[in-house]
PDB file of N, CA and C in Angstrom:
ATOM      1  N   MET A   1     298.177   4.900  35.895  1.00  0.00           N
ATOM      2  CA  MET A   1     297.208   5.568  36.911  1.00  0.00           C
ATOM      3  C   MET A   1     297.238   4.804  38.231  1.00  0.00           C
ATOM      4  N   GLY A   2     297.497   5.400  39.233  1.00  0.00           N
ATOM      5  CA  GLY A   2     297.390   4.692  40.555  1.00  0.00           C
ATOM      6  C   GLY A   2     295.916   4.981  41.110  1.00  0.00           C
ATOM      7  N   LEU A   3     295.897   4.727  42.517  1.00  0.00           N
ATOM      8  CA  LEU A   3     294.563   4.841  43.210  1.00  0.00           C
ATOM      9  C   LEU A   3     294.407   6.220  43.831  1.00  0.00           C
ATOM     10  N   ASP A   4     293.188   6.721  43.620  1.00  0.00           N
ATOM     11  CA  ASP A   4     292.778   7.933  44.166  1.00  0.00           C
ATOM     12  C   ASP A   4     291.460   7.636  45.041  1.00  0.00           C
ATOM     13  N   ILE A   5     291.374   7.961  46.241  1.00  0.00           N
ATOM     14  CA  ILE A   5     290.175   7.693  46.855  1.00  0.00           C
ATOM     15  C   ILE A   5     289.718   8.922  47.871  1.00  0.00           C
ATOM     16  N   THR A   6     288.421   9.586  47.437  1.00  0.00           N
ATOM     17  CA  THR A   6     288.099  10.618  48.097  1.00  0.00           C
ATOM     18  C   THR A   6     286.881  10.168  48.939  1.00  0.00           C
ATOM     19  N   THR A   7     286.660  10.700  49.736  1.00  0.00           N
ATOM     20  CA  THR A   7     285.559  10.557  50.857  1.00  0.00           C
ATOM     21  C   THR A   7     284.525  11.526  51.124  1.00  0.00           C
ATOM     22  N   ARG A   8     283.240  11.252  51.461  1.00  0.00           N
ATOM     23  CA  ARG A   8     282.300  12.266  51.675  1.00  0.00           C
ATOM     24  C   ARG A   8     281.351  11.758  52.445  1.00  0.00           C
ATOM     25  N   ARG A   9     280.528  12.594  52.874  1.00  0.00           N
ATOM     26  CA  ARG A   9     279.258  11.952  54.194  1.00  0.00           C
ATOM     27  C   ARG A   9     277.989  12.279  53.423  1.00  0.00           C
ATOM     28  N   ALA A  10     277.073  11.495  53.593  1.00  0.00           N
ATOM     29  CA  ALA A  10     275.750  11.368  53.464  1.00  0.00           C
ATOM     30  C   ALA A  10     274.992  10.937  54.656  1.00  0.00           C
ATOM     31  N   GLY A  11     274.684  11.798  55.574  1.00  0.00           N
ATOM     32  CA  GLY A  11     274.244  11.637  56.744  1.00  0.00           C
ATOM     33  C   GLY A  11     275.281  11.030  57.731  1.00  0.00           C
ATOM     34  N   ASP A  12     274.999   9.525  58.053  1.00  0.00           N
ATOM     35  CA  ASP A  12     276.309   8.875  58.623  1.00  0.00           C
ATOM     36  C   ASP A  12     276.561   7.732  58.003  1.00  0.00           C
ATOM     37  N   VAL A  13     276.470   8.061  56.669  1.00  0.00           N
ATOM     38  CA  VAL A  13     277.294   6.983  55.687  1.00  0.00           C
ATOM     39  C   VAL A  13     278.636   7.805  55.152  1.00  0.00           C
ATOM     40  N   THR A  14     279.653   6.884  55.220  1.00  0.00           N
ATOM     41  CA  THR A  14     280.611   7.643  54.540  1.00  0.00           C
ATOM     42  C   THR A  14     280.823   6.937  53.175  1.00  0.00           C
ATOM     43  N   ILE A  15     280.971   7.703  52.154  1.00  0.00           N
ATOM     44  CA  ILE A  15     281.024   7.264  50.798  1.00  0.00           C
ATOM     45  C   ILE A  15     282.409   7.418  50.172  1.00  0.00           C
ATOM     46  N   MET A  16     283.135   6.245  50.144  1.00  0.00           N
ATOM     47  CA  MET A  16     284.371   6.369  49.505  1.00  0.00           C
ATOM     48  C   MET A  16     284.197   6.154  47.804  1.00  0.00           C
ATOM     49  N   GLU A  17     284.827   7.135  47.264  1.00  0.00           N
ATOM     50  CA  GLU A  17     284.671   7.224  45.795  1.00  0.00           C
ATOM     51  C   GLU A  17     286.063   6.919  45.416  1.00  0.00           C
ATOM     52  N   VAL A  18     286.296   5.728  44.705  1.00  0.00           N
ATOM     53  CA  VAL A  18     287.595   4.779  44.202  1.00  0.00           C
ATOM     54  C   VAL A  18     287.761   5.387  42.760  1.00  0.00           C
ATOM     55  N   SER A  19     288.912   5.914  42.359  1.00  0.00           N
ATOM     56  CA  SER A  19     289.365   6.006  41.253  1.00  0.00           C
ATOM     57  C   SER A  19     290.851   5.376  40.592  1.00  0.00           C
ATOM     58  N   GLY A  20     290.832   4.709  39.878  1.00  0.00           N
ATOM     59  CA  GLY A  20     292.121   4.295  39.310  1.00  0.00           C
ATOM     60  C   GLY A  20     291.849   2.699  39.486  1.00  0.00           C
ATOM     61  N   ARG A  21     293.114   2.212  39.574  1.00  0.00           N
ATOM     62  CA  ARG A  21     293.201   0.622  39.484  1.00  0.00           C
ATOM     63  C   ARG A  21     293.426   0.139  41.325  1.00  0.00           C
ATOM     64  N   VAL A  22     292.547  -0.890  41.247  1.00  0.00           N
ATOM     65  CA  VAL A  22     292.720  -1.409  42.461  1.00  0.00           C
ATOM     66  C   VAL A  22     293.354  -2.750  42.382  1.00  0.00           C
ATOM     67  N   THR A  23     294.738  -2.730  42.545  1.00  0.00           N
ATOM     68  CA  THR A  23     295.416  -4.069  41.986  1.00  0.00           C
ATOM     69  C   THR A  23     296.577  -4.280  43.129  1.00  0.00           C
ATOM     70  N   LEU A  24     297.214  -5.366  43.087  1.00  0.00           N
ATOM     71  CA  LEU A  24     298.211  -5.943  43.941  1.00  0.00           C
ATOM     72  C   LEU A  24     298.917  -4.865  44.256  1.00  0.00           C
ATOM     73  N   GLY A  25     299.655  -4.515  45.324  1.00  0.00           N
ATOM     74  CA  GLY A  25     300.567  -3.310  45.565  1.00  0.00           C
ATOM     75  C   GLY A  25     299.938  -2.314  46.165  1.00  0.00           C
ATOM     76  N   GLU A  26     300.204  -1.129  45.650  1.00  0.00           N
ATOM     77  CA  GLU A  26     299.700   0.380  46.141  1.00  0.00           C
ATOM     78  C   GLU A  26     298.314   0.604  46.254  1.00  0.00           C
ATOM     79  N   GLY A  27     297.646  -0.047  45.084  1.00  0.00           N
ATOM     80  CA  GLY A  27     296.303   0.133  45.058  1.00  0.00           C
ATOM     81  C   GLY A  27     295.467  -0.513  45.997  1.00  0.00           C
ATOM     82  N   ALA A  28     295.650  -1.757  46.418  1.00  0.00           N
ATOM     83  CA  ALA A  28     295.144  -2.800  47.284  1.00  0.00           C
ATOM     84  C   ALA A  28     295.528  -1.996  48.793  1.00  0.00           C
ATOM     85  N   SER A  29     296.561  -1.934  48.901  1.00  0.00           N
ATOM     86  CA  SER A  29     296.843  -1.346  50.235  1.00  0.00           C
ATOM     87  C   SER A  29     296.617  -0.066  50.554  1.00  0.00           C
ATOM     88  N   GLY A  30     296.320   0.743  49.440  1.00  0.00           N
ATOM     89  CA  GLY A  30     295.888   2.222  49.789  1.00  0.00           C
ATOM     90  C   GLY A  30     294.325   2.047  49.970  1.00  0.00           C
ATOM     91  N   LEU A  31     293.600   1.113  49.569  1.00  0.00           N
ATOM     92  CA  LEU A  31     292.068   0.887  49.909  1.00  0.00           C
ATOM     93  C   LEU A  31     292.115   0.443  51.421  1.00  0.00           C
ATOM     94  N   ARG A  32     292.888  -0.557  51.395  1.00  0.00           N
ATOM     95  CA  ARG A  32     292.848  -1.229  52.861  1.00  0.00           C
ATOM     96  C   ARG A  32     293.119   0.055  53.793  1.00  0.00           C
ATOM     97  N   ASN A  33     294.170   0.813  53.682  1.00  0.00           N
ATOM     98  CA  ASN A  33     294.538   1.695  54.764  1.00  0.00           C
ATOM     99  C   ASN A  33     293.432   2.727  54.889  1.00  0.00           C
ATOM    100  N   ALA A  34     292.661   3.178  53.847  1.00  0.00           N
ATOM    101  CA  ALA A  34     291.989   4.278  54.058  1.00  0.00           C
ATOM    102  C   ALA A  34     290.537   3.550  54.576  1.00  0.00           C
ATOM    103  N   ILE A  35     290.182   2.518  54.328  1.00  0.00           N
ATOM    104  CA  ILE A  35     289.042   1.831  55.287  1.00  0.00           C
ATOM    105  C   ILE A  35     289.380   1.648  56.752  1.00  0.00           C
ATOM    106  N   HIS A  36     290.912   1.229  56.940  1.00  0.00           N
ATOM    107  CA  HIS A  36     291.326   1.158  58.559  1.00  0.00           C
ATOM    108  C   HIS A  36     291.081   2.479  59.177  1.00  0.00           C
ATOM    109  N   SER A  37     291.445   3.684  58.359  1.00  0.00           N
ATOM    110  CA  SER A  37     291.567   4.987  58.868  1.00  0.00           C
ATOM    111  C   SER A  37     290.180   5.456  59.323  1.00  0.00           C
ATOM    112  N   LEU A  38     289.258   5.018  58.438  1.00  0.00           N
ATOM    113  CA  LEU A  38     287.820   5.479  58.797  1.00  0.00           C
ATOM    114  C   LEU A  38     287.268   4.674  59.964  1.00  0.00           C
ATOM    115  N   LEU A  39     287.522   3.589  59.946  1.00  0.00           N
ATOM    116  CA  LEU A  39     287.104   2.567  61.070  1.00  0.00           C
ATOM    117  C   LEU A  39     287.704   3.248  62.398  1.00  0.00           C
ATOM    118  N   HIS A  40     288.957   3.628  62.283  1.00  0.00           N
ATOM    119  CA  HIS A  40     289.787   4.222  63.469  1.00  0.00           C
ATOM    120  C   HIS A  40     288.870   5.532  63.950  1.00  0.00           C
ATOM    121  N   GLU A  41     288.410   5.846  62.808  1.00  0.00           N
ATOM    122  CA  GLU A  41     287.799   7.723  63.145  1.00  0.00           C
ATOM    123  C   GLU A  41     286.271   7.257  63.629  1.00  0.00           C
ATOM    124  N   GLY A  42     285.508   6.000  63.694  1.00  0.00           N
ATOM    125  CA  GLY A  42     284.426   5.763  64.068  1.00  0.00           C
ATOM    126  C   GLY A  42     283.424   5.633  63.187  1.00  0.00           C
ATOM    127  N   HIS A  43     283.642   5.594  61.783  1.00  0.00           N
ATOM    128  CA  HIS A  43     282.870   5.752  60.660  1.00  0.00           C
ATOM    129  C   HIS A  43     282.507   4.047  60.538  1.00  0.00           C
ATOM    130  N   LYS A  44     281.480   3.610  60.562  1.00  0.00           N
ATOM    131  CA  LYS A  44     281.017   2.132  60.634  1.00  0.00           C
ATOM    132  C   LYS A  44     280.368   2.141  59.316  1.00  0.00           C
ATOM    133  N   LYS A  45     279.688   2.683  58.664  1.00  0.00           N
ATOM    134  CA  LYS A  45     278.656   2.747  57.306  1.00  0.00           C
ATOM    135  C   LYS A  45     279.524   3.170  56.172  1.00  0.00           C
ATOM    136  N   ILE A  46     279.967   2.419  55.554  1.00  0.00           N
ATOM    137  CA  ILE A  46     280.786   2.580  54.631  1.00  0.00           C
ATOM    138  C   ILE A  46     280.267   2.001  53.064  1.00  0.00           C
ATOM    139  N   LEU A  47     280.334   3.015  52.208  1.00  0.00           N
ATOM    140  CA  LEU A  47     279.707   2.788  51.029  1.00  0.00           C
ATOM    141  C   LEU A  47     280.795   3.094  49.944  1.00  0.00           C
ATOM    142  N   LEU A  48     281.288   1.935  49.289  1.00  0.00           N
ATOM    143  CA  LEU A  48     282.401   1.781  48.491  1.00  0.00           C
ATOM    144  C   LEU A  48     281.793   1.975  46.917  1.00  0.00           C
ATOM    145  N   ASP A  49     282.077   3.277  46.331  1.00  0.00           N
ATOM    146  CA  ASP A  49     281.689   3.664  45.096  1.00  0.00           C
ATOM    147  C   ASP A  49     282.987   3.355  44.132  1.00  0.00           C
ATOM    148  N   LEU A  50     282.593   2.321  43.265  1.00  0.00           N
ATOM    149  CA  LEU A  50     283.669   1.687  42.225  1.00  0.00           C
ATOM    150  C   LEU A  50     283.347   2.219  40.859  1.00  0.00           C
ATOM    151  N   ALA A  51     282.332   3.411  40.819  1.00  0.00           N
ATOM    152  CA  ALA A  51     282.186   3.821  39.385  1.00  0.00           C
ATOM    153  C   ALA A  51     283.482   4.331  38.759  1.00  0.00           C
ATOM    154  N   GLY A  52     284.530   4.882  39.276  1.00  0.00           N
ATOM    155  CA  GLY A  52     285.665   5.422  38.891  1.00  0.00           C
ATOM    156  C   GLY A  52     286.917   4.246  38.826  1.00  0.00           C
ATOM    157  N   ALA A  53     286.646   3.085  39.276  1.00  0.00           N
ATOM    158  CA  ALA A  53     287.897   2.235  39.269  1.00  0.00           C
ATOM    159  C   ALA A  53     288.012   1.723  37.679  1.00  0.00           C
ATOM    160  N   SER A  54     289.063   1.756  37.228  1.00  0.00           N
ATOM    161  CA  SER A  54     289.292   1.554  35.951  1.00  0.00           C
ATOM    162  C   SER A  54     289.590   0.003  35.944  1.00  0.00           C
ATOM    163  N   TYR A  55     290.154  -0.404  36.899  1.00  0.00           N
ATOM    164  CA  TYR A  55     290.345  -2.013  37.025  1.00  0.00           C
ATOM    165  C   TYR A  55     290.570  -2.653  38.284  1.00  0.00           C
ATOM    166  N   VAL A  56     289.929  -3.674  38.545  1.00  0.00           N
ATOM    167  CA  VAL A  56     290.026  -4.470  39.894  1.00  0.00           C
ATOM    168  C   VAL A  56     290.668  -5.752  39.729  1.00  0.00           C
ATOM    169  N   ASP A  57     291.766  -6.167  40.203  1.00  0.00           N
ATOM    170  CA  ASP A  57     292.380  -7.664  40.131  1.00  0.00           C
ATOM    171  C   ASP A  57     291.981  -8.364  41.326  1.00  0.00           C
ATOM    172  N   SER A  58     292.489  -9.776  41.359  1.00  0.00           N
ATOM    173  CA  SER A  58     291.855 -10.681  42.212  1.00  0.00           C
ATOM    174  C   SER A  58     292.506  -9.906  43.634  1.00  0.00           C
ATOM    175  N   SER A  59     293.722  -9.341  43.765  1.00  0.00           N
ATOM    176  CA  SER A  59     294.135  -8.871  44.930  1.00  0.00           C
ATOM    177  C   SER A  59     293.349  -7.756  45.590  1.00  0.00           C
ATOM    178  N   GLY A  60     292.539  -6.842  44.382  1.00  0.00           N
ATOM    179  CA  GLY A  60     292.008  -6.006  44.911  1.00  0.00           C
ATOM    180  C   GLY A  60     290.679  -6.474  45.480  1.00  0.00           C
ATOM    181  N   LEU A  61     290.243  -7.188  44.713  1.00  0.00           N
ATOM    182  CA  LEU A  61     288.885  -8.129  45.310  1.00  0.00           C
ATOM    183  C   LEU A  61     288.989  -8.654  46.728  1.00  0.00           C
ATOM    184  N   GLY A  62     290.318  -9.290  46.872  1.00  0.00           N
ATOM    185  CA  GLY A  62     290.463  -9.873  48.320  1.00  0.00           C
ATOM    186  C   GLY A  62     290.874  -8.698  49.352  1.00  0.00           C
ATOM    187  N   THR A  63     291.255  -7.751  48.933  1.00  0.00           N
ATOM    188  CA  THR A  63     291.253  -6.355  49.848  1.00  0.00           C
ATOM    189  C   THR A  63     289.796  -5.906  50.021  1.00  0.00           C
ATOM    190  N   MET A  64     289.163  -6.056  49.383  1.00  0.00           N
ATOM    191  CA  MET A  64     287.704  -5.576  49.571  1.00  0.00           C
ATOM    192  C   MET A  64     286.826  -6.618  50.547  1.00  0.00           C
ATOM    193  N   VAL A  65     287.174  -8.057  50.441  1.00  0.00           N
ATOM    194  CA  VAL A  65     286.542  -9.036  51.188  1.00  0.00           C
ATOM    195  C   VAL A  65     287.176  -8.926  52.492  1.00  0.00           C
ATOM    196  N   ALA A  66     288.466  -8.593  52.534  1.00  0.00           N
ATOM    197  CA  ALA A  66     289.239  -8.477  53.909  1.00  0.00           C
ATOM    198  C   ALA A  66     288.556  -7.214  54.645  1.00  0.00           C
ATOM    199  N   ALA A  67     288.411  -6.141  54.148  1.00  0.00           N
ATOM    200  CA  ALA A  67     287.872  -4.722  54.353  1.00  0.00           C
ATOM    201  C   ALA A  67     286.314  -5.327  54.851  1.00  0.00           C
ATOM    202  N   TYR A  68     285.645  -6.068  54.156  1.00  0.00           N
ATOM    203  CA  TYR A  68     284.342  -6.285  54.559  1.00  0.00           C
ATOM    204  C   TYR A  68     284.132  -7.085  55.925  1.00  0.00           C
ATOM    205  N   ALA A  69     285.213  -8.192  55.927  1.00  0.00           N
ATOM    206  CA  ALA A  69     285.260  -8.853  57.176  1.00  0.00           C
ATOM    207  C   ALA A  69     285.772  -7.951  58.283  1.00  0.00           C
ATOM    208  N   THR A  70     286.504  -7.167  58.365  1.00  0.00           N
ATOM    209  CA  THR A  70     287.245  -5.827  59.352  1.00  0.00           C
ATOM    210  C   THR A  70     286.076  -5.083  59.763  1.00  0.00           C
ATOM    211  N   VAL A  71     285.472  -4.714  58.784  1.00  0.00           N
ATOM    212  CA  VAL A  71     284.187  -3.685  59.367  1.00  0.00           C
ATOM    213  C   VAL A  71     283.026  -4.445  59.911  1.00  0.00           C
ATOM    214  N   THR A  72     282.826  -5.427  59.494  1.00  0.00           N
ATOM    215  CA  THR A  72     281.607  -6.447  59.993  1.00  0.00           C
ATOM    216  C   THR A  72     282.077  -6.652  61.324  1.00  0.00           C
ATOM    217  N   ASN A  73     283.370  -7.213  61.618  1.00  0.00           N
ATOM    218  CA  ASN A  73     283.792  -7.712  62.868  1.00  0.00           C
ATOM    219  C   ASN A  73     283.757  -6.385  63.871  1.00  0.00           C
ATOM    220  N   GLN A  74     284.020  -5.342  63.526  1.00  0.00           N
ATOM    221  CA  GLN A  74     283.811  -4.242  64.378  1.00  0.00           C
ATOM    222  C   GLN A  74     282.294  -3.403  64.371  1.00  0.00           C
ATOM    223  N   GLY A  75     281.354  -4.145  63.953  1.00  0.00           N
ATOM    224  CA  GLY A  75     280.050  -3.891  64.127  1.00  0.00           C
ATOM    225  C   GLY A  75     279.453  -2.946  63.051  1.00  0.00           C
ATOM    226  N   GLY A  76     280.255  -2.878  61.914  1.00  0.00           N
ATOM    227  CA  GLY A  76     279.956  -1.735  60.992  1.00  0.00           C
ATOM    228  C   GLY A  76     279.404  -2.518  59.857  1.00  0.00           C
ATOM    229  N   GLU A  77     279.116  -1.853  58.450  1.00  0.00           N
ATOM    230  CA  GLU A  77     278.591  -2.373  57.209  1.00  0.00           C
ATOM    231  C   GLU A  77     279.321  -1.813  56.147  1.00  0.00           C
ATOM    232  N   LEU A  78     279.664  -2.725  55.160  1.00  0.00           N
ATOM    233  CA  LEU A  78     280.217  -2.310  54.176  1.00  0.00           C
ATOM    234  C   LEU A  78     279.318  -2.598  52.707  1.00  0.00           C
ATOM    235  N   LYS A  79     279.445  -1.823  52.019  1.00  0.00           N
ATOM    236  CA  LYS A  79     278.323  -2.226  51.016  1.00  0.00           C
ATOM    237  C   LYS A  79     279.060  -1.567  49.653  1.00  0.00           C
ATOM    238  N   LEU A  80     278.802  -2.125  48.405  1.00  0.00           N
ATOM    239  CA  LEU A  80     279.258  -1.499  47.031  1.00  0.00           C
ATOM    240  C   LEU A  80     278.137  -0.850  46.266  1.00  0.00           C
ATOM    241  N   LEU A  81     278.971   0.147  45.517  1.00  0.00           N
ATOM    242  CA  LEU A  81     278.057   0.905  44.641  1.00  0.00           C
ATOM    243  C   LEU A  81     278.817   1.059  43.456  1.00  0.00           C
ATOM    244  N   ASN A  82     277.923   0.959  42.197  1.00  0.00           N
ATOM    245  CA  ASN A  82     278.368   1.170  41.126  1.00  0.00           C
ATOM    246  C   ASN A  82     279.558   0.207  40.675  1.00  0.00           C
ATOM    247  N   ALA A  83     279.333  -1.113  40.974  1.00  0.00           N
ATOM    248  CA  ALA A  83     280.437  -2.003  40.488  1.00  0.00           C
ATOM    249  C   ALA A  83     280.810  -2.199  39.067  1.00  0.00           C
ATOM    250  N   ILE A  84     281.890  -1.815  38.648  1.00  0.00           N
ATOM    251  CA  ILE A  84     282.314  -2.075  37.303  1.00  0.00           C
ATOM    252  C   ILE A  84     281.838  -3.455  36.972  1.00  0.00           C
ATOM    253  N   SER A  85     281.881  -3.708  35.500  1.00  0.00           N
ATOM    254  CA  SER A  85     281.412  -5.013  34.959  1.00  0.00           C
ATOM    255  C   SER A  85     282.599  -6.207  35.601  1.00  0.00           C
ATOM    256  N   ARG A  86     284.053  -5.810  35.525  1.00  0.00           N
ATOM    257  CA  ARG A  86     284.852  -6.801  36.051  1.00  0.00           C
ATOM    258  C   ARG A  86     284.662  -7.245  37.436  1.00  0.00           C
ATOM    259  N   VAL A  87     284.297  -6.246  38.261  1.00  0.00           N
ATOM    260  CA  VAL A  87     284.182  -6.661  39.703  1.00  0.00           C
ATOM    261  C   VAL A  87     282.756  -7.367  39.893  1.00  0.00           C
ATOM    262  N   LYS A  88     281.615  -6.698  38.920  1.00  0.00           N
ATOM    263  CA  LYS A  88     280.427  -7.732  38.935  1.00  0.00           C
ATOM    264  C   LYS A  88     280.893  -9.360  38.548  1.00  0.00           C
ATOM    265  N   ASP A  89     281.515  -9.553  37.519  1.00  0.00           N
ATOM    266  CA  ASP A  89     282.125 -10.920  36.835  1.00  0.00           C
ATOM    267  C   ASP A  89     282.685 -11.679  38.315  1.00  0.00           C
ATOM    268  N   LEU A  90     283.781 -10.904  38.768  1.00  0.00           N
ATOM    269  CA  LEU A  90     284.513 -11.405  39.935  1.00  0.00           C
ATOM    270  C   LEU A  90     283.851 -11.861  41.049  1.00  0.00           C
ATOM    271  N   LEU A  91     282.747 -11.186  41.264  1.00  0.00           N
ATOM    272  CA  LEU A  91     281.615 -11.426  42.459  1.00  0.00           C
ATOM    273  C   LEU A  91     280.867 -12.591  41.883  1.00  0.00           C
ATOM    274  N   LEU A  92     280.402 -12.530  40.810  1.00  0.00           N
ATOM    275  CA  LEU A  92     279.675 -13.746  40.599  1.00  0.00           C
ATOM    276  C   LEU A  92     280.486 -15.154  40.431  1.00  0.00           C
ATOM    277  N   ILE A  93     281.685 -15.227  39.580  1.00  0.00           N
ATOM    278  CA  ILE A  93     282.409 -16.240  39.735  1.00  0.00           C
ATOM    279  C   ILE A  93     282.815 -16.940  41.072  1.00  0.00           C
ATOM    280  N   THR A  94     283.072 -15.945  41.876  1.00  0.00           N
ATOM    281  CA  THR A  94     283.429 -16.332  43.504  1.00  0.00           C
ATOM    282  C   THR A  94     282.413 -16.594  44.424  1.00  0.00           C
ATOM    283  N   LYS A  95     281.116 -16.327  43.760  1.00  0.00           N
ATOM    284  CA  LYS A  95     279.834 -16.517  44.702  1.00  0.00           C
ATOM    285  C   LYS A  95     279.911 -15.336  45.847  1.00  0.00           C
ATOM    286  N   LEU A  96     280.418 -14.300  45.524  1.00  0.00           N
ATOM    287  CA  LEU A  96     280.760 -13.332  46.579  1.00  0.00           C
ATOM    288  C   LEU A  96     279.444 -12.462  46.644  1.00  0.00           C
ATOM    289  N   TYR A  97     278.763 -12.418  45.629  1.00  0.00           N
ATOM    290  CA  TYR A  97     277.463 -11.782  45.488  1.00  0.00           C
ATOM    291  C   TYR A  97     276.610 -12.111  46.635  1.00  0.00           C
ATOM    292  N   THR A  98     276.720 -13.133  47.185  1.00  0.00           N
ATOM    293  CA  THR A  98     275.859 -13.517  48.346  1.00  0.00           C
ATOM    294  C   THR A  98     276.511 -12.906  49.528  1.00  0.00           C
ATOM    295  N   VAL A  99     277.796 -12.458  49.681  1.00  0.00           N
ATOM    296  CA  VAL A  99     278.176 -11.766  50.665  1.00  0.00           C
ATOM    297  C   VAL A  99     278.137 -10.247  50.465  1.00  0.00           C
ATOM    298  N   PHE A 100     278.469  -9.577  49.590  1.00  0.00           N
ATOM    299  CA  PHE A 100     278.462  -8.162  49.510  1.00  0.00           C
ATOM    300  C   PHE A 100     276.923  -7.714  49.042  1.00  0.00           C
ATOM    301  N   GLU A 101     276.551  -6.682  49.405  1.00  0.00           N
ATOM    302  CA  GLU A 101     275.328  -5.856  49.078  1.00  0.00           C
ATOM    303  C   GLU A 101     275.718  -5.143  48.103  1.00  0.00           C
ATOM    304  N   VAL A 102     275.275  -5.160  46.737  1.00  0.00           N
ATOM    305  CA  VAL A 102     275.728  -4.195  45.550  1.00  0.00           C
ATOM    306  C   VAL A 102     274.510  -3.444  45.105  1.00  0.00           C
ATOM    307  N   TYR A 103     274.854  -2.221  44.894  1.00  0.00           N
ATOM    308  CA  TYR A 103     273.642  -1.288  44.535  1.00  0.00           C
ATOM    309  C   TYR A 103     274.300  -0.384  43.336  1.00  0.00           C
ATOM    310  N   GLU A 104     273.168  -0.006  42.443  1.00  0.00           N
ATOM    311  CA  GLU A 104     273.622   0.702  41.234  1.00  0.00           C
ATOM    312  C   GLU A 104     272.991   2.173  41.775  1.00  0.00           C
ATOM    313  N   ASP A 105     272.048   2.463  42.687  1.00  0.00           N
ATOM    314  CA  ASP A 105     271.553   3.736  42.982  1.00  0.00           C
ATOM    315  C   ASP A 105     271.958   4.112  44.212  1.00  0.00           C
ATOM    316  N   GLU A 106     272.706   5.200  44.260  1.00  0.00           N
ATOM    317  CA  GLU A 106     273.128   5.863  45.442  1.00  0.00           C
ATOM    318  C   GLU A 106     272.501   6.048  46.466  1.00  0.00           C
ATOM    319  N   ALA A 107     270.981   6.548  46.181  1.00  0.00           N
ATOM    320  CA  ALA A 107     270.352   7.116  47.216  1.00  0.00           C
ATOM    321  C   ALA A 107     269.672   5.764  47.953  1.00  0.00           C
ATOM    322  N   ALA A 108     269.478   4.626  47.104  1.00  0.00           N
ATOM    323  CA  ALA A 108     268.827   3.265  47.631  1.00  0.00           C
ATOM    324  C   ALA A 108     270.066   2.802  48.400  1.00  0.00           C
ATOM    325  N   ALA A 109     271.125   2.825  48.166  1.00  0.00           N
ATOM    326  CA  ALA A 109     272.217   2.366  48.900  1.00  0.00           C
ATOM    327  C   ALA A 109     272.346   2.973  50.252  1.00  0.00           C
ATOM    328  N   ILE A 110     272.249   4.334  50.273  1.00  0.00           N
ATOM    329  CA  ILE A 110     272.244   5.126  51.370  1.00  0.00           C
ATOM    330  C   ILE A 110     271.098   4.639  52.268  1.00  0.00           C
ATOM    331  N   ARG A 111     269.952   4.558  51.843  1.00  0.00           N
ATOM    332  CA  ARG A 111     268.739   4.105  52.634  1.00  0.00           C
ATOM    333  C   ARG A 111     268.958   2.824  53.270  1.00  0.00           C
ATOM    334  N   SER A 112     269.353   1.783  52.473  1.00  0.00           N
ATOM    335  CA  SER A 112     269.716   0.448  53.127  1.00  0.00           C
ATOM    336  C   SER A 112     270.430   0.388  54.460  1.00  0.00           C
ATOM    337  N   PHE A 113     271.308   1.605  54.587  1.00  0.00           N
ATOM    338  CA  PHE A 113     271.924   1.657  55.873  1.00  0.00           C
ATOM    339  C   PHE A 113     271.083   1.999  57.090  1.00  0.00           C
ATOM    340  N   GLY A 114     269.913   2.415  56.724  1.00  0.00           N
ATOM    341  CA  GLY A 114     269.002   2.744  57.711  1.00  0.00           C
ATOM    342  C   GLY A 114     269.227   4.367  58.167  1.00  0.00           C
ATOM    343  N   SER A 115     270.062   5.064  57.472  1.00  0.00           N
ATOM    344  CA  SER A 115     270.288   6.467  57.642  1.00  0.00           C
ATOM    345  C   SER A 115     269.158   7.482  57.499  1.00  0.00           C
ATOM    346  N   VAL A 116     268.957   8.296  58.320  1.00  0.00           N
ATOM    347  CA  VAL A 116     268.013   9.322  58.303  1.00  0.00           C
ATOM    348  C   VAL A 116     268.134  10.331  57.447  1.00  0.00           C
ATOM    349  N   ALA A 117     269.487  10.873  57.448  1.00  0.00           N
ATOM    350  CA  ALA A 117     269.618  12.031  56.607  1.00  0.00           C
ATOM    351  C   ALA A 117     270.267  11.662  55.067  1.00  0.00           C
ATOM    352  N   THR A 118     270.248  12.184  54.329  1.00  0.00           N
ATOM    353  CA  THR A 118     270.473  11.839  52.924  1.00  0.00           C
ATOM    354  C   THR A 118     271.265  12.895  52.105  1.00  0.00           C
ATOM    355  N   SER A 119     271.723  14.106  52.848  1.00  0.00           N
ATOM    356  CA  SER A 119     272.335  15.021  51.998  1.00  0.00           C
ATOM    357  C   SER A 119     273.773  14.893  52.117  1.00  0.00           C
ATOM    358  N   ALA A 120     274.334  15.134  50.761  1.00  0.00           N
ATOM    359  CA  ALA A 120     275.903  14.520  50.865  1.00  0.00           C
ATOM    360  C   ALA A 120     276.621  15.966  51.197  1.00  0.00           C
ATOM    361  N   ASN A 121     276.886  15.867  52.394  1.00  0.00           N
ATOM    362  CA  ASN A 121     277.788  16.829  52.942  1.00  0.00           C
ATOM    363  C   ASN A 121     279.216  16.358  53.194  1.00  0.00           C
ATOM    364  N   PRO A 122     280.248  16.814  52.771  1.00  0.00           N
ATOM    365  CA  PRO A 122     281.800  16.298  52.920  1.00  0.00           C
ATOM    366  C   PRO A 122     281.822  16.221  54.662  1.00  0.00           C
TER     367      PRO A 122
END
């Protein structure tokens, strides 16, 4: 199974729902390209929903770190939602839990961006 990314909007927050494997090669590059496209379109509040991610390897994690840096350098915010246990473990081992904001509740994650509207409109 490859990587599938769908996006939807909740106010001024773009939620990227990731399904499949975020691994070296096509998966990591697909995620990187999707985030760059969002930035190019002016979307700077990005919530990466990993509930559907079946597997994330170190390359996938590296892509998320690079995306975090890119988004932050362009004045935006990138936060994680529903991190699967493997991602949580990797974040703990690498001490990246101190870098990423990780949420289990979508409404709380959206509020953390300081968004006024919380309706989930595409």
